[in-house]
């Protein structure tokens, strides 16, 4: 399989000007909301795992409960 060079794409991105302030804020908000959504979903899924699955992951049920109890805005 031939390798594709990403250099032209990276050079193009390097030549771009900075985002407008409103766009930068919108992008920041989108990133934060995405992180929060991911944390919420993964912590809810962790809370539902059986003890034998938690053992496979390498955490105890108590550690899983503690992580699942954390608020989604806490990293």
PDB file of N, CA and C in Angstrom:
ATOM      1  N   UNK A   1       0.843  -1.171   0.000  1.00  0.00           N
ATOM      2  CA  UNK A   1       0.000   0.000   0.000  1.00  0.00           C
ATOM      3  C   UNK A   1       0.896   1.244   0.000  1.00  0.00           C
ATOM      4  N   UNK A   2       0.620   2.156  -0.893  1.00  0.00           N
ATOM      5  CA  UNK A   2       1.426   3.371  -1.001  1.00  0.00           C
ATOM      6  C   UNK A   2       1.091   4.326   0.138  1.00  0.00           C
ATOM      7  N   UNK A   3       2.122   4.961   0.664  1.00  0.00           N
ATOM      8  CA  UNK A   3       1.893   5.922   1.735  1.00  0.00           C
ATOM      9  C   UNK A   3       1.542   7.275   1.139  1.00  0.00           C
ATOM     10  N   UNK A   4       0.617   7.950   1.776  1.00  0.00           N
ATOM     11  CA  UNK A   4       0.193   9.261   1.328  1.00  0.00           C
ATOM     12  C   UNK A   4       0.892  10.312   2.163  1.00  0.00           C
ATOM     13  N   UNK A   5       1.387  11.333   1.500  1.00  0.00           N
ATOM     14  CA  UNK A   5       2.044  12.412   2.219  1.00  0.00           C
ATOM     15  C   UNK A   5       0.999  13.406   2.709  1.00  0.00           C
ATOM     16  N   UNK A   6       1.085  13.744   3.980  1.00  0.00           N
ATOM     17  CA  UNK A   6       0.160  14.711   4.561  1.00  0.00           C
ATOM     18  C   UNK A   6       0.774  16.106   4.604  1.00  0.00           C
ATOM     19  N   UNK A   7       1.982  16.232   4.110  1.00  0.00           N
ATOM     20  CA  UNK A   7       2.686  17.517   4.178  1.00  0.00           C
ATOM     21  C   UNK A   7       1.905  18.658   3.532  1.00  0.00           C
ATOM     22  N   UNK A   8       1.296  18.479   2.334  1.00  0.00           N
ATOM     23  CA  UNK A   8       0.552  19.601   1.750  1.00  0.00           C
ATOM     24  C   UNK A   8      -0.628  20.039   2.618  1.00  0.00           C
ATOM     25  N   UNK A   9      -1.286  19.069   3.237  1.00  0.00           N
ATOM     26  CA  UNK A   9      -2.423  19.405   4.094  1.00  0.00           C
ATOM     27  C   UNK A   9      -1.965  20.139   5.352  1.00  0.00           C
ATOM     28  N   UNK A  10      -0.881  19.666   5.930  1.00  0.00           N
ATOM     29  CA  UNK A  10      -0.354  20.315   7.127  1.00  0.00           C
ATOM     30  C   UNK A  10       0.139  21.724   6.819  1.00  0.00           C
ATOM     31  N   UNK A  11       0.754  21.899   5.656  1.00  0.00           N
ATOM     32  CA  UNK A  11       1.224  23.230   5.265  1.00  0.00           C
ATOM     33  C   UNK A  11       0.043  24.172   5.102  1.00  0.00           C
ATOM     34  N   UNK A  12      -1.041  23.658   4.524  1.00  0.00           N
ATOM     35  CA  UNK A  12      -2.241  24.484   4.354  1.00  0.00           C
ATOM     36  C   UNK A  12      -2.778  24.924   5.713  1.00  0.00           C
ATOM     37  N   UNK A  13      -2.835  23.992   6.649  1.00  0.00           N
ATOM     38  CA  UNK A  13      -3.338  24.329   7.979  1.00  0.00           C
ATOM     39  C   UNK A  13      -2.431  25.341   8.669  1.00  0.00           C
ATOM     40  N   UNK A  14      -1.133  25.239   8.448  1.00  0.00           N
ATOM     41  CA  UNK A  14      -0.197  26.178   9.052  1.00  0.00           C
ATOM     42  C   UNK A  14      -0.336  27.584   8.512  1.00  0.00           C
ATOM     43  N   UNK A  15      -0.867  27.722   7.308  1.00  0.00           N
ATOM     44  CA  UNK A  15      -1.031  29.036   6.691  1.00  0.00           C
ATOM     45  C   UNK A  15      -2.346  29.704   7.069  1.00  0.00           C
ATOM     46  N   UNK A  16      -3.227  28.980   7.728  1.00  0.00           N
ATOM     47  CA  UNK A  16      -4.516  29.541   8.094  1.00  0.00           C
ATOM     48  C   UNK A  16      -4.349  30.610   9.180  1.00  0.00           C
ATOM     49  N   UNK A  17      -5.207  31.607   9.108  1.00  0.00           N
ATOM     50  CA  UNK A  17      -5.195  32.649  10.136  1.00  0.00           C
ATOM     51  C   UNK A  17      -5.942  32.135  11.363  1.00  0.00           C
ATOM     52  N   UNK A  18      -5.809  32.833  12.454  1.00  0.00           N
ATOM     53  CA  UNK A  18      -6.476  32.441  13.697  1.00  0.00           C
ATOM     54  C   UNK A  18      -7.994  32.550  13.527  1.00  0.00           C
ATOM     55  N   UNK A  19      -8.707  31.782  14.309  1.00  0.00           N
ATOM     56  CA  UNK A  19     -10.161  31.829  14.276  1.00  0.00           C
ATOM     57  C   UNK A  19     -10.669  33.163  14.803  1.00  0.00           C
ATOM     58  N   UNK A  20     -11.821  33.555  14.310  1.00  0.00           N
ATOM     59  CA  UNK A  20     -12.493  34.729  14.858  1.00  0.00           C
ATOM     60  C   UNK A  20     -12.837  34.429  16.317  1.00  0.00           C
ATOM     61  N   UNK A  21     -12.879  35.436  17.167  1.00  0.00           N
ATOM     62  CA  UNK A  21     -13.156  35.182  18.597  1.00  0.00           C
ATOM     63  C   UNK A  21     -14.450  34.400  18.834  1.00  0.00           C
ATOM     64  N   UNK A  22     -15.507  34.720  18.092  1.00  0.00           N
ATOM     65  CA  UNK A  22     -16.773  34.006  18.272  1.00  0.00           C
ATOM     66  C   UNK A  22     -16.620  32.535  17.877  1.00  0.00           C
ATOM     67  N   UNK A  23     -15.866  32.274  16.811  1.00  0.00           N
ATOM     68  CA  UNK A  23     -15.653  30.890  16.383  1.00  0.00           C
ATOM     69  C   UNK A  23     -14.806  30.138  17.403  1.00  0.00           C
ATOM     70  N   UNK A  24     -13.824  30.803  17.973  1.00  0.00           N
ATOM     71  CA  UNK A  24     -12.976  30.166  18.982  1.00  0.00           C
ATOM     72  C   UNK A  24     -13.800  29.791  20.210  1.00  0.00           C
ATOM     73  N   UNK A  25     -14.695  30.677  20.623  1.00  0.00           N
ATOM     74  CA  UNK A  25     -15.556  30.393  21.776  1.00  0.00           C
ATOM     75  C   UNK A  25     -16.501  29.244  21.451  1.00  0.00           C
ATOM     76  N   UNK A  26     -17.078  29.264  20.267  1.00  0.00           N
ATOM     77  CA  UNK A  26     -17.997  28.194  19.864  1.00  0.00           C
ATOM     78  C   UNK A  26     -17.274  26.853  19.818  1.00  0.00           C
ATOM     79  N   UNK A  27     -16.060  26.847  19.305  1.00  0.00           N
ATOM     80  CA  UNK A  27     -15.278  25.615  19.254  1.00  0.00           C
ATOM     81  C   UNK A  27     -14.955  25.120  20.654  1.00  0.00           C
ATOM     82  N   UNK A  28     -14.576  26.016  21.541  1.00  0.00           N
ATOM     83  CA  UNK A  28     -14.271  25.653  22.927  1.00  0.00           C
ATOM     84  C   UNK A  28     -15.503  25.040  23.598  1.00  0.00           C
ATOM     85  N   UNK A  29     -16.653  25.663  23.418  1.00  0.00           N
ATOM     86  CA  UNK A  29     -17.898  25.163  24.020  1.00  0.00           C
ATOM     87  C   UNK A  29     -18.221  23.780  23.468  1.00  0.00           C
ATOM     88  N   UNK A  30     -18.056  23.591  22.162  1.00  0.00           N
ATOM     89  CA  UNK A  30     -18.340  22.294  21.549  1.00  0.00           C
ATOM     90  C   UNK A  30     -17.418  21.211  22.108  1.00  0.00           C
ATOM     91  N   UNK A  31     -16.151  21.529  22.294  1.00  0.00           N
ATOM     92  CA  UNK A  31     -15.200  20.554  22.835  1.00  0.00           C
ATOM     93  C   UNK A  31     -15.562  20.204  24.276  1.00  0.00           C
ATOM     94  N   UNK A  32     -15.875  21.190  25.079  1.00  0.00           N
ATOM     95  CA  UNK A  32     -16.232  20.941  26.480  1.00  0.00           C
ATOM     96  C   UNK A  32     -17.500  20.095  26.573  1.00  0.00           C
ATOM     97  N   UNK A  33     -18.517  20.430  25.794  1.00  0.00           N
ATOM     98  CA  UNK A  33     -19.762  19.661  25.830  1.00  0.00           C
ATOM     99  C   UNK A  33     -19.547  18.217  25.373  1.00  0.00           C
ATOM    100  N   UNK A  34     -18.684  18.024  24.393  1.00  0.00           N
ATOM    101  CA  UNK A  34     -18.378  16.674  23.932  1.00  0.00           C
ATOM    102  C   UNK A  34     -17.675  15.873  25.019  1.00  0.00           C
ATOM    103  N   UNK A  35     -16.718  16.490  25.712  1.00  0.00           N
ATOM    104  CA  UNK A  35     -16.030  15.811  26.820  1.00  0.00           C
ATOM    105  C   UNK A  35     -17.017  15.429  27.913  1.00  0.00           C
ATOM    106  N   UNK A  36     -17.883  16.373  28.273  1.00  0.00           N
ATOM    107  CA  UNK A  36     -18.858  16.109  29.323  1.00  0.00           C
ATOM    108  C   UNK A  36     -19.792  14.969  28.933  1.00  0.00           C
ATOM    109  N   UNK A  37     -20.248  14.960  27.699  1.00  0.00           N
ATOM    110  CA  UNK A  37     -21.141  13.905  27.230  1.00  0.00           C
ATOM    111  C   UNK A  37     -20.453  12.545  27.279  1.00  0.00           C
ATOM    112  N   UNK A  38     -19.205  12.499  26.859  1.00  0.00           N
ATOM    113  CA  UNK A  38     -18.451  11.251  26.881  1.00  0.00           C
ATOM    114  C   UNK A  38     -18.257  10.765  28.307  1.00  0.00           C
ATOM    115  N   UNK A  39     -17.896  11.659  29.211  1.00  0.00           N
ATOM    116  CA  UNK A  39     -17.720  11.269  30.614  1.00  0.00           C
ATOM    117  C   UNK A  39     -19.019  10.736  31.198  1.00  0.00           C
ATOM    118  N   UNK A  40     -20.130  11.415  30.918  1.00  0.00           N
ATOM    119  CA  UNK A  40     -21.428  10.990  31.457  1.00  0.00           C
ATOM    120  C   UNK A  40     -21.768   9.579  30.976  1.00  0.00           C
ATOM    121  N   UNK A  41     -21.647   9.355  29.669  1.00  0.00           N
ATOM    122  CA  UNK A  41     -22.000   8.053  29.107  1.00  0.00           C
ATOM    123  C   UNK A  41     -21.080   6.934  29.599  1.00  0.00           C
ATOM    124  N   UNK A  42     -19.780   7.198  29.644  1.00  0.00           N
ATOM    125  CA  UNK A  42     -18.853   6.140  30.058  1.00  0.00           C
ATOM    126  C   UNK A  42     -18.983   5.829  31.544  1.00  0.00           C
ATOM    127  N   UNK A  43     -19.246   6.824  32.354  1.00  0.00           N
ATOM    128  CA  UNK A  43     -19.425   6.573  33.793  1.00  0.00           C
ATOM    129  C   UNK A  43     -20.713   5.813  34.060  1.00  0.00           C
ATOM    130  N   UNK A  44     -21.770   6.087  33.294  1.00  0.00           N
ATOM    131  CA  UNK A  44     -23.016   5.324  33.450  1.00  0.00           C
ATOM    132  C   UNK A  44     -22.797   3.878  33.026  1.00  0.00           C
ATOM    133  N   UNK A  45     -22.042   3.685  31.949  1.00  0.00           N
ATOM    134  CA  UNK A  45     -21.760   2.322  31.489  1.00  0.00           C
ATOM    135  C   UNK A  45     -20.887   1.576  32.501  1.00  0.00           C
ATOM    136  N   UNK A  46     -19.932   2.255  33.103  1.00  0.00           N
ATOM    137  CA  UNK A  46     -19.069   1.651  34.117  1.00  0.00           C
ATOM    138  C   UNK A  46     -19.888   1.187  35.312  1.00  0.00           C
ATOM    139  N   UNK A  47     -20.883   1.966  35.687  1.00  0.00           N
ATOM    140  CA  UNK A  47     -21.720   1.622  36.837  1.00  0.00           C
ATOM    141  C   UNK A  47     -22.519   0.346  36.586  1.00  0.00           C
ATOM    142  N   UNK A  48     -22.747   0.008  35.324  1.00  0.00           N
ATOM    143  CA  UNK A  48     -23.562  -1.164  34.993  1.00  0.00           C
ATOM    144  C   UNK A  48     -22.753  -2.440  34.789  1.00  0.00           C
ATOM    145  N   UNK A  49     -21.423  -2.341  34.821  1.00  0.00           N
ATOM    146  CA  UNK A  49     -20.601  -3.530  34.573  1.00  0.00           C
ATOM    147  C   UNK A  49     -20.661  -4.512  35.731  1.00  0.00           C
ATOM    148  N   UNK A  50     -20.661  -5.798  35.390  1.00  0.00           N
ATOM    149  CA  UNK A  50     -20.637  -6.861  36.393  1.00  0.00           C
ATOM    150  C   UNK A  50     -19.247  -6.940  37.023  1.00  0.00           C
ATOM    151  N   UNK A  51     -19.172  -7.481  38.258  1.00  0.00           N
ATOM    152  CA  UNK A  51     -17.870  -7.580  38.937  1.00  0.00           C
ATOM    153  C   UNK A  51     -16.811  -8.351  38.146  1.00  0.00           C
ATOM    154  N   UNK A  52     -17.204  -9.397  37.428  1.00  0.00           N
ATOM    155  CA  UNK A  52     -16.196 -10.154  36.671  1.00  0.00           C
ATOM    156  C   UNK A  52     -15.652  -9.323  35.511  1.00  0.00           C
ATOM    157  N   UNK A  53     -16.465  -8.443  34.939  1.00  0.00           N
ATOM    158  CA  UNK A  53     -15.970  -7.556  33.884  1.00  0.00           C
ATOM    159  C   UNK A  53     -15.066  -6.476  34.462  1.00  0.00           C
ATOM    160  N   UNK A  54     -15.404  -5.988  35.633  1.00  0.00           N
ATOM    161  CA  UNK A  54     -14.543  -4.998  36.290  1.00  0.00           C
ATOM    162  C   UNK A  54     -13.182  -5.613  36.595  1.00  0.00           C
ATOM    163  N   UNK A  55     -13.193  -6.885  37.002  1.00  0.00           N
ATOM    164  CA  UNK A  55     -11.934  -7.565  37.279  1.00  0.00           C
ATOM    165  C   UNK A  55     -11.089  -7.651  36.012  1.00  0.00           C
ATOM    166  N   UNK A  56     -11.732  -7.903  34.873  1.00  0.00           N
ATOM    167  CA  UNK A  56     -11.014  -7.941  33.592  1.00  0.00           C
ATOM    168  C   UNK A  56     -10.367  -6.597  33.281  1.00  0.00           C
ATOM    169  N   UNK A  57     -11.043  -5.515  33.645  1.00  0.00           N
ATOM    170  CA  UNK A  57     -10.529  -4.167  33.403  1.00  0.00           C
ATOM    171  C   UNK A  57      -9.433  -3.820  34.405  1.00  0.00           C
ATOM    172  N   UNK A  58      -9.477  -4.446  35.565  1.00  0.00           N
ATOM    173  CA  UNK A  58      -8.452  -4.215  36.571  1.00  0.00           C
ATOM    174  C   UNK A  58      -8.849  -3.235  37.649  1.00  0.00           C
ATOM    175  N   UNK A  59     -10.151  -3.076  37.873  1.00  0.00           N
ATOM    176  CA  UNK A  59     -10.607  -2.205  38.960  1.00  0.00           C
ATOM    177  C   UNK A  59     -11.601  -2.960  39.831  1.00  0.00           C
ATOM    178  N   UNK A  60     -11.704  -2.510  41.056  1.00  0.00           N
ATOM    179  CA  UNK A  60     -12.618  -3.146  41.998  1.00  0.00           C
ATOM    180  C   UNK A  60     -14.006  -2.523  41.849  1.00  0.00           C
ATOM    181  N   UNK A  61     -15.028  -3.218  42.334  1.00  0.00           N
ATOM    182  CA  UNK A  61     -16.372  -2.627  42.310  1.00  0.00           C
ATOM    183  C   UNK A  61     -16.441  -1.303  43.079  1.00  0.00           C
ATOM    184  N   UNK A  62     -15.686  -1.191  44.158  1.00  0.00           N
ATOM    185  CA  UNK A  62     -15.682   0.069  44.927  1.00  0.00           C
ATOM    186  C   UNK A  62     -15.082   1.205  44.104  1.00  0.00           C
ATOM    187  N   UNK A  63     -14.002   0.918  43.386  1.00  0.00           N
ATOM    188  CA  UNK A  63     -13.399   1.945  42.521  1.00  0.00           C
ATOM    189  C   UNK A  63     -14.352   2.336  41.399  1.00  0.00           C
ATOM    190  N   UNK A  64     -15.065   1.364  40.861  1.00  0.00           N
ATOM    191  CA  UNK A  64     -16.029   1.642  39.793  1.00  0.00           C
ATOM    192  C   UNK A  64     -17.165   2.507  40.319  1.00  0.00           C
ATOM    193  N   UNK A  65     -17.656   2.207  41.514  1.00  0.00           N
ATOM    194  CA  UNK A  65     -18.728   3.023  42.097  1.00  0.00           C
ATOM    195  C   UNK A  65     -18.254   4.448  42.342  1.00  0.00           C
ATOM    196  N   UNK A  66     -17.022   4.583  42.835  1.00  0.00           N
ATOM    197  CA  UNK A  66     -16.484   5.922  43.104  1.00  0.00           C
ATOM    198  C   UNK A  66     -16.355   6.723  41.809  1.00  0.00           C
ATOM    199  N   UNK A  67     -15.875   6.094  40.761  1.00  0.00           N
ATOM    200  CA  UNK A  67     -15.732   6.794  39.477  1.00  0.00           C
ATOM    201  C   UNK A  67     -17.097   7.126  38.894  1.00  0.00           C
ATOM    202  N   UNK A  68     -18.037   6.199  38.975  1.00  0.00           N
ATOM    203  CA  UNK A  68     -19.374   6.426  38.426  1.00  0.00           C
ATOM    204  C   UNK A  68     -20.115   7.520  39.192  1.00  0.00           C
ATOM    205  N   UNK A  69     -19.773   7.720  40.457  1.00  0.00           N
ATOM    206  CA  UNK A  69     -20.439   8.745  41.266  1.00  0.00           C
ATOM    207  C   UNK A  69     -19.924  10.147  40.990  1.00  0.00           C
ATOM    208  N   UNK A  70     -18.777  10.250  40.311  1.00  0.00           N
ATOM    209  CA  UNK A  70     -18.213  11.583  40.027  1.00  0.00           C
ATOM    210  C   UNK A  70     -19.103  12.332  39.046  1.00  0.00           C
ATOM    211  N   UNK A  71     -19.172  13.636  39.196  1.00  0.00           N
ATOM    212  CA  UNK A  71     -19.946  14.478  38.292  1.00  0.00           C
ATOM    213  C   UNK A  71     -19.244  14.560  36.950  1.00  0.00           C
ATOM    214  N   UNK A  72     -20.026  14.710  35.882  1.00  0.00           N
ATOM    215  CA  UNK A  72     -19.453  14.695  34.538  1.00  0.00           C
ATOM    216  C   UNK A  72     -18.516  15.863  34.269  1.00  0.00           C
ATOM    217  N   UNK A  73     -18.657  16.936  34.998  1.00  0.00           N
ATOM    218  CA  UNK A  73     -17.771  18.082  34.752  1.00  0.00           C
ATOM    219  C   UNK A  73     -16.449  17.937  35.484  1.00  0.00           C
ATOM    220  N   UNK A  74     -16.329  16.911  36.316  1.00  0.00           N
ATOM    221  CA  UNK A  74     -15.064  16.643  37.015  1.00  0.00           C
ATOM    222  C   UNK A  74     -14.216  15.708  36.168  1.00  0.00           C
ATOM    223  N   UNK A  75     -13.029  16.136  35.828  1.00  0.00           N
ATOM    224  CA  UNK A  75     -12.132  15.359  34.968  1.00  0.00           C
ATOM    225  C   UNK A  75     -11.631  14.133  35.549  1.00  0.00           C
TER     226      UNK A  75
END
